[in-house]
Amino acid sequence: MFAALCCLSCQPAARNRRPHVVLISIDTLRPDHLGCYGYERQTSPNIDRLAREGTRYTRAYSPTSWTLPAHMSMFTSQTPSHHGIVEDRYALGQDATTLAEVIQAGGYDTAAITSWIYVGRKFGFDQGFAHFEELAQPQRRAAASGTGASPARTTTDAAIRWLQRPRENPAFLFVHYFDPHMNYEPPPPYDIMFDADYRGDADGSYTWAKPFIAAFQSEPRAIDARDREHMLALYDGEIAYTDAHVGRLLDAVDRELGLDNCIVVLTSDHGEEFGEHGSLEGHGWTLYDEVLNVPLIVRWPGHVAAGRAVDDPVTLVDLGPTVLDLLKLTRPASFAGRSVLESAPGQPRWLFAESDRFGVRKRSLRGPRYKIISTEDTGGSAKGLPIREGLEVFDLIEDPGETNDLSTRDSTRTSDLAKLLAEATARASSGSMTASARDEELSAEEEERLRSLGYIR
């Protein structure tokens, strides 16, 4: 645990003047589907307001492309291969230090409201949280039909209840929304907000989408353009619905804590693919930018510039050091990231990402212009997965969509990038692993929920 850190010795009155912290993670949220990142649909008025009042990072990337290791990187400031939570059979070791533990030791009341299995106690996310509420989310089809509470509403209600509790210390609240993750089933009127005239059978479900997901077949079916348009509309409806509840949450923060004395950070764990590389879904299976690029917005009036867009490349590994920098708390030696408030002019930054799932190992490294991705079969083909081993190289300036692989046409550059990737891979996994075998088994219900979304085969 984090016993080595002691609470700061300050008077209650001084503690109350310190800023509160609200960290919001919206699962599977692509930044290019938010108004503040240039999207034409009105999906995100509350998030857009947050961006106008804070600083928006245009080149923020996840170090992986699926929920569990990405969130663990947020809280440990380590790459997945270093914190060790690369598969769901692992949990965070008790000797690891988390962002929540540092903030709690700094004299804060800490709480987390999470809405998905992979951001739960079984994997160690409760470390450092005095209050940890892992919600059993309602069935979304029941919510969409009006017969049940919707996930974002349930999550926000729980967060508001905690905010309404009396407290003497400043607050650190982490809220995780799952709604934009497939299945795309926004409740009315969000289900028809962006596509009221559709009459096809694309219902937003994982079951419908599976034939179009490249992870399961060598040649996925090509999705009809009209069906793809509707899937995007349902996804955007989920974003708009979640945004409405982000607005509710921020209103409650303002009432209970005072929003202007609050550091608000909003981000996501990964993005989503809608056919950019021949597949639906993509997260957990690829390392292309549509699944690695995430929003990152930081708001704290008087301390963080309002209306600013920063183009410097940053990663979710930087999130912990950034929050601690704002709070003037010392970051642990184990934190590998750097505060996004720091600038390093003239120093190009290379960002590493990785994924290890179902016997497929992927690694990527992106620099100022070029990006390399490696794919290795570690047993997946024996399980029937279609795996194409090798290297891909992309010129991100000439080819931002990563559609023109240069690896076979520029052998010298590919060789140089491969060496850099090998070095980055070694650095990412250096040091002691903090993961341990997960003690607690998943329940039958949890396994079924994971199986229904392709997490268990």
Protein backbone atom coordinates (compact mmCIF):
# COMPACT_ATOMS: atom_id res chain seq x y z
CA MET A 1 0.00 0.00 0.00
CA PHE A 2 1.01 3.57 0.47
CA ALA A 3 1.80 3.55 4.17
CA ALA A 4 5.09 5.32 3.63
CA LEU A 5 3.29 8.55 2.79
CA CYS A 6 1.98 10.62 5.66
CA CYS A 7 -0.89 13.08 5.63
CA LEU A 8 0.13 16.69 5.32
CA SER A 9 0.07 18.47 8.66
CA CYS A 10 -2.13 21.45 8.01
CA GLN A 11 -5.01 23.05 9.86
CA PRO A 12 -8.60 22.27 8.73
CA ALA A 13 -9.13 25.86 7.62
CA ALA A 14 -6.08 25.66 5.38
CA ARG A 15 -7.22 22.32 3.97
CA ASN A 16 -10.60 23.80 3.03
CA ARG A 17 -8.90 26.46 0.92
CA ARG A 18 -7.15 23.83 -1.15
CA PRO A 19 -8.73 22.92 -4.50
CA HIS A 20 -11.02 19.97 -4.92
CA VAL A 21 -10.34 17.53 -7.76
CA VAL A 22 -12.86 15.86 -10.07
CA LEU A 23 -11.51 13.35 -12.60
CA ILE A 24 -14.00 12.22 -15.24
CA SER A 25 -13.27 9.31 -17.58
CA ILE A 26 -15.75 8.61 -20.39
CA ASP A 27 -15.10 5.17 -21.82
CA THR A 28 -14.50 4.78 -25.59
CA LEU A 29 -14.76 8.51 -26.31
CA ARG A 30 -13.19 9.75 -29.54
CA PRO A 31 -12.17 13.41 -29.37
CA ASP A 32 -13.17 14.00 -32.97
CA HIS A 33 -16.79 13.38 -31.95
CA LEU A 34 -16.80 16.36 -29.58
CA GLY A 35 -17.69 19.90 -30.61
CA CYS A 36 -14.63 21.35 -28.90
CA TYR A 37 -12.45 19.16 -31.13
CA GLY A 38 -14.23 20.30 -34.29
CA TYR A 39 -17.16 17.90 -34.63
CA GLU A 40 -20.13 19.30 -36.50
CA ARG A 41 -22.84 17.51 -34.51
CA GLN A 42 -24.03 18.98 -31.22
CA THR A 43 -22.92 16.05 -29.10
CA SER A 44 -21.14 17.77 -26.23
CA PRO A 45 -22.28 21.22 -25.07
CA ASN A 46 -21.21 20.64 -21.46
CA ILE A 47 -17.82 19.20 -22.37
CA ASP A 48 -17.37 22.03 -24.87
CA ARG A 49 -18.00 24.56 -22.11
CA LEU A 50 -15.40 22.80 -19.97
CA ALA A 51 -12.93 23.16 -22.84
CA ARG A 52 -13.72 26.86 -23.31
CA GLU A 53 -13.02 27.44 -19.62
CA GLY A 54 -9.90 25.29 -19.54
CA THR A 55 -7.08 23.92 -21.66
CA ARG A 56 -7.66 21.29 -24.33
CA TYR A 57 -4.91 18.92 -25.47
CA THR A 58 -5.25 18.07 -29.15
CA ARG A 59 -2.67 15.25 -29.27
CA ALA A 60 -3.41 13.14 -26.21
CA TYR A 61 -2.96 9.39 -26.57
CA SER A 62 -3.61 6.29 -24.53
CA PRO A 63 -0.71 3.87 -23.92
CA THR A 64 -3.07 1.03 -24.87
CA SER A 65 -6.39 0.51 -26.59
CA TRP A 66 -8.63 -1.10 -23.99
CA THR A 67 -10.20 -0.18 -20.70
CA LEU A 68 -8.43 -2.10 -17.94
CA PRO A 69 -4.75 -1.33 -18.63
CA ALA A 70 -5.52 2.20 -19.82
CA HIS A 71 -7.22 3.20 -16.59
CA MET A 72 -4.47 1.54 -14.57
CA SER A 73 -1.95 3.68 -16.47
CA MET A 74 -3.95 6.78 -15.47
CA PHE A 75 -3.68 5.88 -11.80
CA THR A 76 -0.13 4.47 -11.67
CA SER A 77 1.60 6.68 -14.29
CA GLN A 78 3.14 3.54 -15.72
CA THR A 79 2.89 1.75 -19.05
CA PRO A 80 0.82 -1.45 -19.03
CA SER A 81 3.85 -3.72 -19.33
CA HIS A 82 5.33 -1.95 -16.27
CA HIS A 83 2.26 -1.91 -14.01
CA GLY A 84 1.60 -5.44 -15.26
CA ILE A 85 -2.16 -5.29 -15.81
CA VAL A 86 -1.92 -6.43 -19.41
CA GLU A 87 -4.64 -9.07 -19.13
CA ASP A 88 -7.65 -9.47 -16.87
CA ARG A 89 -6.10 -12.32 -14.90
CA TYR A 90 -3.91 -9.78 -13.09
CA ALA A 91 -4.62 -7.24 -10.36
CA LEU A 92 -2.55 -4.34 -9.08
CA GLY A 93 -0.04 -5.35 -6.43
CA GLN A 94 -0.39 -3.91 -2.94
CA ASP A 95 3.10 -2.43 -3.17
CA ALA A 96 2.06 -0.21 -6.09
CA THR A 97 1.43 3.49 -5.54
CA THR A 98 -1.68 5.04 -7.09
CA LEU A 99 -2.72 8.62 -7.71
CA ALA A 100 -5.60 8.20 -5.28
CA GLU A 101 -3.24 7.06 -2.51
CA VAL A 102 -0.99 10.07 -2.95
CA ILE A 103 -3.94 12.47 -2.88
CA GLN A 104 -5.49 10.70 0.11
CA ALA A 105 -2.21 10.95 1.98
CA GLY A 106 -2.23 14.65 1.13
CA GLY A 107 -5.32 15.14 3.29
CA TYR A 108 -8.15 14.60 0.79
CA ASP A 109 -11.43 12.73 1.07
CA THR A 110 -11.31 10.29 -1.83
CA ALA A 111 -14.17 8.62 -3.69
CA ALA A 112 -14.62 6.67 -6.92
CA ILE A 113 -17.85 5.90 -8.75
CA THR A 114 -17.13 3.32 -11.45
CA SER A 115 -19.48 1.75 -13.96
CA TRP A 116 -17.69 -1.20 -15.53
CA ILE A 117 -16.10 -4.42 -14.32
CA TYR A 118 -12.67 -3.47 -15.62
CA VAL A 119 -12.52 -0.39 -13.38
CA GLY A 120 -13.35 -2.32 -10.24
CA ARG A 121 -12.05 -3.72 -6.97
CA LYS A 122 -11.08 -7.08 -8.43
CA PHE A 123 -8.28 -5.35 -10.32
CA GLY A 124 -7.07 -3.03 -7.55
CA PHE A 125 -8.74 0.25 -8.51
CA ASP A 126 -10.02 0.76 -4.96
CA GLN A 127 -6.49 1.46 -3.65
CA GLY A 128 -6.50 4.94 -2.13
CA PHE A 129 -10.26 5.47 -2.23
CA ALA A 130 -12.02 5.76 1.12
CA HIS A 131 -15.32 5.43 -0.73
CA PHE A 132 -15.42 3.07 -3.70
CA GLU A 133 -18.75 2.43 -5.40
CA GLU A 134 -18.73 -0.12 -8.19
CA LEU A 135 -22.14 0.08 -9.76
CA ALA A 136 -24.13 -2.88 -11.04
CA GLN A 137 -25.31 -1.18 -14.19
CA PRO A 138 -28.88 -1.71 -15.40
CA GLN A 139 -29.57 -3.41 -18.71
CA ARG A 140 -29.34 -0.70 -21.31
CA ARG A 141 -32.15 -2.02 -23.51
CA ALA A 142 -34.48 -1.80 -20.52
CA ALA A 143 -33.33 1.78 -19.99
CA ALA A 144 -33.80 2.61 -23.66
CA SER A 145 -37.36 1.28 -23.56
CA GLY A 146 -38.14 3.45 -20.55
CA THR A 147 -38.39 0.55 -18.12
CA GLY A 148 -35.16 1.11 -16.23
CA ALA A 149 -32.63 3.67 -15.09
CA SER A 150 -29.89 4.39 -17.60
CA PRO A 151 -26.19 3.84 -16.79
CA ALA A 152 -25.06 7.48 -17.00
CA ARG A 153 -27.95 8.59 -14.80
CA THR A 154 -27.19 5.88 -12.24
CA THR A 155 -23.50 6.85 -12.21
CA THR A 156 -24.24 10.56 -11.83
CA ASP A 157 -26.82 10.00 -9.10
CA ALA A 158 -24.26 8.03 -7.07
CA ALA A 159 -21.63 10.74 -7.52
CA ILE A 160 -24.08 13.45 -6.44
CA ARG A 161 -25.01 11.51 -3.32
CA TRP A 162 -21.35 11.40 -2.31
CA LEU A 163 -20.87 15.09 -3.06
CA GLN A 164 -23.76 15.93 -0.73
CA ARG A 165 -22.06 14.35 2.25
CA PRO A 166 -20.65 16.78 4.83
CA ARG A 167 -16.85 16.97 4.86
CA GLU A 168 -14.01 18.90 6.46
CA ASN A 169 -11.35 18.01 3.92
CA PRO A 170 -11.08 18.83 0.23
CA ALA A 171 -12.49 16.19 -2.13
CA PHE A 172 -11.02 14.00 -4.83
CA LEU A 173 -13.77 12.38 -6.87
CA PHE A 174 -13.24 9.98 -9.78
CA VAL A 175 -16.26 9.27 -11.96
CA HIS A 176 -16.21 6.69 -14.76
CA TYR A 177 -18.93 6.65 -17.45
CA PHE A 178 -19.28 3.61 -19.70
CA ASP A 179 -22.14 4.63 -22.01
CA PRO A 180 -20.29 5.35 -25.32
CA HIS A 181 -18.91 1.81 -25.27
CA MET A 182 -20.72 -0.67 -27.49
CA ASN A 183 -23.57 -1.61 -27.15
CA TYR A 184 -24.80 1.75 -28.48
CA GLU A 185 -28.25 2.00 -26.93
CA PRO A 186 -28.94 5.59 -25.91
CA PRO A 187 -32.32 6.20 -24.30
CA PRO A 188 -34.95 8.41 -25.95
CA PRO A 189 -34.68 11.02 -27.38
CA TYR A 190 -30.95 10.42 -27.90
CA ASP A 191 -31.61 7.21 -29.85
CA ILE A 192 -33.00 9.19 -32.80
CA MET A 193 -31.28 12.53 -32.18
CA PHE A 194 -28.87 12.19 -35.10
CA ASP A 195 -30.66 9.69 -37.38
CA ALA A 196 -34.43 9.66 -37.04
CA ASP A 197 -35.15 8.17 -40.47
CA TYR A 198 -33.16 4.92 -40.33
CA ARG A 199 -35.17 1.75 -41.04
CA GLY A 200 -32.42 -0.90 -41.19
CA ASP A 201 -31.44 -3.57 -38.67
CA ALA A 202 -28.22 -2.03 -37.26
CA ASP A 203 -29.28 -1.80 -33.62
CA GLY A 204 -25.97 -0.70 -32.05
CA SER A 205 -25.40 -4.05 -30.38
CA TYR A 206 -22.18 -6.03 -30.26
CA THR A 207 -24.10 -9.04 -31.56
CA TRP A 208 -25.05 -7.15 -34.73
CA ALA A 209 -21.54 -5.70 -35.13
CA LYS A 210 -19.54 -8.91 -34.63
CA PRO A 211 -19.44 -9.99 -38.32
CA PHE A 212 -17.83 -6.63 -39.11
CA ILE A 213 -15.07 -6.90 -36.46
CA ALA A 214 -11.70 -7.95 -37.88
CA ALA A 215 -10.55 -9.59 -34.66
CA PHE A 216 -12.82 -12.56 -35.28
CA GLN A 217 -12.44 -13.33 -38.97
CA SER A 218 -9.76 -12.93 -41.62
CA GLU A 219 -12.13 -11.11 -43.94
CA PRO A 220 -14.76 -9.20 -41.96
CA ARG A 221 -17.92 -8.28 -43.78
CA ALA A 222 -17.91 -4.82 -45.33
CA ILE A 223 -20.42 -2.67 -43.55
CA ASP A 224 -23.07 -0.94 -45.64
CA ALA A 225 -22.55 2.84 -45.69
CA ARG A 226 -26.07 3.51 -44.40
CA ASP A 227 -25.66 1.04 -41.53
CA ARG A 228 -22.31 2.58 -40.61
CA GLU A 229 -23.93 6.02 -40.62
CA HIS A 230 -26.56 4.76 -38.19
CA MET A 231 -24.01 3.12 -35.89
CA LEU A 232 -22.18 6.46 -35.76
CA ALA A 233 -25.46 8.22 -34.97
CA LEU A 234 -26.16 5.84 -32.08
CA TYR A 235 -22.60 6.31 -30.79
CA ASP A 236 -23.07 10.08 -30.99
CA GLY A 237 -26.36 9.70 -29.16
CA GLU A 238 -24.55 7.93 -26.33
CA ILE A 239 -22.03 10.77 -26.20
CA ALA A 240 -24.77 13.41 -26.12
CA TYR A 241 -26.61 11.54 -23.40
CA THR A 242 -23.45 11.15 -21.31
CA ASP A 243 -22.63 14.82 -21.86
CA ALA A 244 -26.00 15.78 -20.37
CA HIS A 245 -25.11 13.87 -17.22
CA VAL A 246 -21.63 15.38 -17.15
CA GLY A 247 -23.52 18.68 -17.02
CA ARG A 248 -25.58 17.41 -14.08
CA LEU A 249 -22.40 16.31 -12.32
CA LEU A 250 -20.67 19.66 -12.83
CA ASP A 251 -23.75 21.51 -11.58
CA ALA A 252 -23.66 19.40 -8.42
CA VAL A 253 -19.93 20.03 -8.02
CA ASP A 254 -20.62 23.75 -8.26
CA ARG A 255 -23.40 23.58 -5.64
CA GLU A 256 -21.53 21.39 -3.16
CA LEU A 257 -17.87 22.33 -3.65
CA GLY A 258 -17.68 25.46 -5.77
CA LEU A 259 -16.61 24.73 -9.33
CA ASP A 260 -14.09 27.56 -9.52
CA ASN A 261 -12.17 26.07 -6.60
CA CYS A 262 -12.06 22.72 -8.33
CA ILE A 263 -9.57 21.11 -10.70
CA VAL A 264 -11.62 19.27 -13.31
CA VAL A 265 -9.93 16.80 -15.65
CA LEU A 266 -11.91 15.04 -18.37
CA THR A 267 -10.47 12.27 -20.54
CA SER A 268 -11.08 8.78 -21.92
CA ASP A 269 -9.30 5.44 -21.89
CA HIS A 270 -9.38 4.84 -25.65
CA GLY A 271 -11.32 5.62 -28.81
CA GLU A 272 -13.25 3.51 -31.30
CA GLU A 273 -13.03 2.31 -34.90
CA PHE A 274 -15.82 2.78 -37.42
CA GLY A 275 -14.28 1.16 -40.47
CA GLU A 276 -11.17 3.32 -40.80
CA HIS A 277 -9.07 0.16 -41.02
CA GLY A 278 -11.68 -2.28 -42.29
CA SER A 279 -13.38 -3.11 -39.03
CA LEU A 280 -15.81 -1.99 -36.40
CA GLU A 281 -14.71 -1.67 -32.75
CA GLY A 282 -10.92 -1.89 -33.03
CA HIS A 283 -10.11 -1.16 -29.41
CA GLY A 284 -8.08 -3.89 -27.81
CA TRP A 285 -7.21 -5.23 -31.23
CA THR A 286 -5.35 -2.40 -32.98
CA LEU A 287 -3.08 0.53 -32.17
CA TYR A 288 -4.21 2.95 -34.87
CA ASP A 289 -4.94 6.52 -33.86
CA GLU A 290 -8.73 6.19 -33.93
CA VAL A 291 -8.41 3.92 -30.89
CA LEU A 292 -5.43 5.61 -29.21
CA ASN A 293 -6.32 9.30 -29.56
CA VAL A 294 -8.31 10.52 -26.54
CA PRO A 295 -9.67 13.85 -25.32
CA LEU A 296 -7.90 15.59 -22.46
CA ILE A 297 -9.30 18.77 -20.92
CA VAL A 298 -8.04 20.45 -17.73
CA ARG A 299 -9.98 23.28 -16.07
CA TRP A 300 -9.01 25.34 -13.01
CA PRO A 301 -9.79 29.05 -13.32
CA GLY A 302 -6.89 31.33 -12.51
CA HIS A 303 -4.38 28.48 -12.69
CA VAL A 304 -4.97 26.78 -16.05
CA ALA A 305 -5.40 28.93 -19.15
CA ALA A 306 -8.95 29.20 -20.48
CA GLY A 307 -9.74 28.53 -24.13
CA ARG A 308 -6.25 27.26 -24.89
CA ALA A 309 -5.45 24.38 -27.24
CA VAL A 310 -2.09 22.64 -26.75
CA ASP A 311 -0.64 20.59 -29.60
CA ASP A 312 2.22 19.00 -27.65
CA PRO A 313 1.95 15.18 -27.62
CA VAL A 314 0.87 13.85 -24.22
CA THR A 315 -0.18 10.47 -22.84
CA LEU A 316 -2.48 9.14 -20.12
CA VAL A 317 0.68 8.17 -18.23
CA ASP A 318 1.04 11.94 -17.71
CA LEU A 319 -2.31 12.33 -15.97
CA GLY A 320 -1.15 11.49 -12.44
CA PRO A 321 1.90 13.81 -12.49
CA THR A 322 -0.29 16.61 -13.89
CA VAL A 323 -2.85 16.42 -11.08
CA LEU A 324 -0.11 16.20 -8.44
CA ASP A 325 1.68 19.17 -10.04
CA LEU A 326 -1.49 21.27 -9.75
CA LEU A 327 -1.96 20.19 -6.12
CA LYS A 328 1.71 20.79 -5.33
CA LEU A 329 2.03 17.25 -4.03
CA THR A 330 5.25 15.33 -4.55
CA ARG A 331 4.97 12.67 -7.23
CA PRO A 332 6.23 9.19 -6.27
CA ALA A 333 9.42 7.93 -7.84
CA SER A 334 7.39 5.18 -9.52
CA PHE A 335 5.43 7.70 -11.63
CA ALA A 336 6.97 7.58 -15.11
CA GLY A 337 4.96 10.35 -16.79
CA ARG A 338 5.43 14.09 -16.70
CA SER A 339 3.03 16.92 -16.05
CA VAL A 340 1.34 18.19 -19.20
CA LEU A 341 1.87 21.67 -17.74
CA GLU A 342 5.60 21.23 -18.32
CA SER A 343 6.96 22.27 -21.68
CA ALA A 344 10.01 20.89 -23.43
CA PRO A 345 10.56 23.10 -26.49
CA GLY A 346 12.72 21.61 -29.16
CA GLN A 347 12.58 18.12 -27.63
CA PRO A 348 10.55 15.78 -29.84
CA ARG A 349 8.57 13.28 -27.82
CA TRP A 350 7.99 9.68 -28.81
CA LEU A 351 4.89 7.99 -27.37
CA PHE A 352 4.73 4.24 -26.77
CA ALA A 353 1.57 2.10 -26.81
CA GLU A 354 0.93 -1.61 -26.42
CA SER A 355 -1.71 -4.31 -26.27
CA ASP A 356 -1.55 -7.98 -25.25
CA ARG A 357 -4.82 -9.79 -25.81
CA PHE A 358 -5.79 -13.35 -26.72
CA GLY A 359 -2.33 -14.30 -27.93
CA VAL A 360 -1.63 -11.18 -30.00
CA ARG A 361 1.12 -8.75 -28.98
CA LYS A 362 1.08 -5.27 -30.49
CA ARG A 363 3.52 -2.42 -29.86
CA SER A 364 3.64 1.05 -31.40
CA LEU A 365 5.82 4.14 -31.25
CA ARG A 366 4.83 7.54 -32.63
CA GLY A 367 7.17 10.46 -33.13
CA PRO A 368 6.82 13.94 -34.60
CA ARG A 369 6.24 12.53 -38.08
CA TYR A 370 6.45 8.74 -38.24
CA LYS A 371 4.71 5.91 -36.44
CA ILE A 372 5.61 2.22 -36.36
CA ILE A 373 3.35 -0.66 -35.27
CA SER A 374 4.51 -4.24 -34.71
CA THR A 375 2.25 -7.30 -34.52
CA GLU A 376 3.40 -10.63 -33.08
CA ASP A 377 1.54 -13.90 -32.79
CA THR A 378 1.96 -15.20 -29.23
CA GLY A 379 -0.56 -18.02 -29.54
CA GLY A 380 -3.57 -16.32 -31.02
CA SER A 381 -3.51 -18.17 -34.34
CA ALA A 382 -3.70 -21.46 -32.44
CA LYS A 383 -6.98 -20.17 -31.04
CA GLY A 384 -8.27 -19.43 -34.52
CA LEU A 385 -7.62 -15.68 -34.52
CA PRO A 386 -6.58 -14.09 -37.81
CA ILE A 387 -3.15 -12.55 -37.14
CA ARG A 388 -0.96 -10.74 -39.64
CA GLU A 389 2.49 -10.50 -38.13
CA GLY A 390 5.01 -7.84 -39.10
CA LEU A 391 5.67 -4.12 -39.10
CA GLU A 392 3.68 -1.15 -40.35
CA VAL A 393 5.11 2.35 -40.82
CA PHE A 394 3.10 5.51 -41.44
CA ASP A 395 3.94 9.11 -42.28
CA LEU A 396 1.56 10.94 -39.94
CA ILE A 397 1.91 14.25 -41.75
CA GLU A 398 1.23 12.98 -45.26
CA ASP A 399 -1.05 10.15 -44.12
CA PRO A 400 -2.77 11.01 -40.81
CA GLY A 401 -5.33 8.25 -41.36
CA GLU A 402 -2.58 5.59 -41.33
CA THR A 403 -3.71 3.97 -44.58
CA ASN A 404 -0.43 3.94 -46.55
CA ASP A 405 2.04 1.44 -45.05
CA LEU A 406 5.62 2.42 -45.91
CA SER A 407 7.37 -0.53 -44.28
CA THR A 408 8.20 -2.40 -47.49
CA ARG A 409 9.04 0.73 -49.51
CA ASP A 410 11.36 2.47 -47.07
CA SER A 411 13.48 -0.28 -45.55
CA THR A 412 16.08 2.04 -44.02
CA ARG A 413 13.48 4.11 -42.16
CA THR A 414 11.63 0.96 -41.12
CA SER A 415 14.84 -0.52 -39.70
CA ASP A 416 15.64 2.67 -37.77
CA LEU A 417 12.11 2.88 -36.36
CA ALA A 418 12.15 -0.81 -35.44
CA LYS A 419 15.26 -0.23 -33.34
CA LEU A 420 13.62 2.70 -31.58
CA LEU A 421 10.53 0.59 -30.94
CA ALA A 422 12.62 -2.23 -29.48
CA GLU A 423 14.34 0.22 -27.14
CA ALA A 424 11.01 1.77 -26.09
CA THR A 425 9.56 -1.69 -25.45
CA ALA A 426 12.48 -2.58 -23.21
CA ARG A 427 12.19 0.69 -21.28
CA ALA A 428 8.44 0.32 -20.83
CA SER A 429 8.78 -3.05 -19.17
CA SER A 430 11.92 -2.33 -17.14
CA GLY A 431 11.77 -2.44 -13.36
CA SER A 432 9.75 -4.61 -11.03
CA MET A 433 6.26 -5.66 -12.04
CA THR A 434 3.61 -4.56 -9.56
CA ALA A 435 0.86 -6.88 -10.76
CA SER A 436 -0.18 -10.08 -9.04
CA ALA A 437 -2.53 -12.88 -9.96
CA ARG A 438 -6.09 -11.75 -9.38
CA ASP A 439 -7.40 -13.32 -6.16
CA GLU A 440 -11.12 -12.84 -6.66
CA GLU A 441 -12.93 -14.72 -9.39
CA LEU A 442 -15.39 -13.04 -11.70
CA SER A 443 -19.00 -13.89 -10.97
CA ALA A 444 -21.08 -15.77 -13.54
CA GLU A 445 -22.97 -12.55 -14.26
CA GLU A 446 -19.74 -10.59 -14.78
CA GLU A 447 -18.37 -13.26 -17.09
CA GLU A 448 -21.56 -13.19 -19.14
CA ARG A 449 -21.42 -9.40 -19.43
CA LEU A 450 -17.80 -9.60 -20.62
CA ARG A 451 -18.61 -12.42 -23.04
CA SER A 452 -21.50 -10.44 -24.51
CA LEU A 453 -19.04 -7.69 -25.52
CA GLY A 454 -16.28 -9.98 -26.77
CA TYR A 455 -13.94 -9.64 -23.78
CA ILE A 456 -14.18 -13.38 -23.04
CA ARG A 457 -14.18 -15.93 -25.83
